Protein backbone atom coordinates (compact mmCIF):
# COMPACT_ATOMS: atom_id res chain seq x y z
CA MET A 1 -19.73 -2.35 11.65
CA LEU A 2 -19.54 -1.80 15.39
CA LEU A 3 -15.75 -1.79 15.16
CA VAL A 4 -15.80 0.98 12.53
CA ALA A 5 -18.37 2.91 14.59
CA THR A 6 -16.10 2.65 17.61
CA LEU A 7 -12.82 3.40 15.84
CA TRP A 8 -13.91 6.09 13.37
CA PRO A 9 -11.81 8.82 15.05
CA ALA A 10 -8.67 6.69 14.79
CA LEU A 11 -9.51 5.76 11.20
CA LEU A 12 -10.01 9.41 10.30
CA VAL A 13 -6.71 10.39 11.94
CA GLY A 14 -4.93 7.56 10.12
CA LEU A 15 -6.42 8.66 6.79
CA ILE A 16 -5.53 12.33 7.33
CA LEU A 17 -2.04 11.55 8.62
CA GLY A 18 -1.44 9.22 5.69
CA GLY A 19 -2.64 11.91 3.28
CA LEU A 20 -0.26 14.45 4.76
CA VAL A 21 2.69 12.05 4.70
CA GLY A 22 1.88 11.01 1.13
CA ALA A 23 1.54 14.63 -0.01
CA LEU A 24 4.86 15.59 1.58
CA THR A 25 6.88 12.57 0.46
CA GLY A 26 5.15 11.50 -2.75
CA LEU A 27 4.86 8.00 -4.11
CA PRO A 28 7.68 5.50 -3.52
CA SER A 29 10.25 5.93 -6.28
CA SER A 30 13.30 3.92 -5.27
CA ARG A 31 13.60 0.17 -4.88
CA PRO A 32 13.88 0.19 -1.04
CA THR A 33 10.86 2.45 -0.58
CA ARG A 34 8.79 0.29 -2.94
CA ALA A 35 9.86 -2.77 -0.95
CA ILE A 36 8.79 -1.14 2.30
CA ALA A 37 5.44 -0.17 0.76
CA LEU A 38 4.89 -3.76 -0.36
CA ILE A 39 5.83 -5.05 3.10
CA LEU A 40 3.31 -2.70 4.71
CA ALA A 41 0.62 -3.79 2.24
CA ALA A 42 1.41 -7.45 2.96
CA LEU A 43 1.30 -6.77 6.70
CA THR A 44 -2.13 -5.17 6.31
CA ILE A 45 -3.41 -8.13 4.32
CA GLY A 46 -1.90 -10.54 6.84
CA LEU A 47 -3.49 -8.76 9.79
CA GLY A 48 -6.82 -8.66 8.00
CA GLY A 49 -6.59 -12.37 7.23
CA LEU A 50 -5.71 -13.16 10.84
CA ALA A 51 -8.64 -11.09 12.06
CA VAL A 52 -11.10 -12.74 9.65
CA SER A 53 -9.84 -16.28 10.31
CA GLY A 54 -10.88 -16.19 13.96
CA LEU A 55 -7.68 -17.86 15.20
CA VAL A 56 -7.32 -15.22 17.91
CA ALA A 57 -10.19 -14.51 20.29
CA GLY A 58 -10.98 -11.87 22.85
CA SER A 59 -9.11 -8.65 23.42
CA PRO A 60 -6.11 -9.53 21.21
CA ASP A 61 -8.53 -10.07 18.31
CA PHE A 62 -9.90 -6.55 18.78
CA TRP A 63 -6.40 -5.09 18.69
CA ILE A 64 -5.49 -7.06 15.56
CA GLU A 65 -8.67 -5.93 13.80
CA ALA A 66 -8.09 -2.33 14.89
CA ALA A 67 -4.48 -2.40 13.71
CA ALA A 68 -5.51 -3.82 10.33
CA LEU A 69 -8.20 -1.17 9.83
CA ILE A 70 -6.08 1.78 10.94
CA LEU A 71 -3.06 0.66 8.93
CA ALA A 72 -5.28 0.23 5.86
CA ALA A 73 -6.72 3.74 6.33
CA TYR A 74 -3.20 5.15 6.70
CA LEU A 75 -1.97 3.42 3.54
CA VAL A 76 -5.00 4.62 1.55
CA GLY A 77 -4.26 8.15 2.76
CA CYS A 78 -0.60 7.78 1.76
CA MET A 79 -1.57 6.64 -1.73
CA ALA A 80 -4.08 9.48 -2.14
CA GLY A 81 -1.59 12.06 -0.89
CA GLY A 82 1.15 10.66 -3.13
CA VAL A 83 -1.08 10.80 -6.20
CA THR A 84 -2.07 14.36 -5.30
CA ALA A 85 1.59 15.35 -4.98
CA LEU A 86 2.37 13.71 -8.32
CA ARG A 87 -0.47 15.55 -10.06
CA ARG A 88 0.53 18.84 -8.46
CA ALA A 89 4.13 18.36 -9.63
CA ASN A 90 2.97 17.74 -13.21
CA LEU A 91 0.78 20.83 -13.51
CA PRO A 92 1.61 23.02 -16.50
CA GLY A 93 3.18 26.33 -15.56
CA ASP A 94 4.69 24.94 -12.36
CA SER A 95 8.13 26.54 -12.28
CA VAL A 96 9.31 24.82 -9.11
CA GLU A 97 11.49 21.81 -9.88
CA ARG A 98 11.16 18.81 -7.59
């Protein structure tokens, strides 16, 4: 909890930046972009597992935990922004083709 209390500005920036990127680019639609999204999700899970396992101690552990949390916030923002872009594109009466 102390880590989240310390890093909340970075988490908020990651969430907002991810939301903007997701809204501008949408959800992954091609095979390479889906592969990259899965790699990023696996990296987040791997970093989280490394942080929870306690194999790394001290300052490097803090950086691994911070990276896992910020990357997770960014990816959640990307998903939310992508879903928002998808819903906006499917609104009835939207004459702009995407």
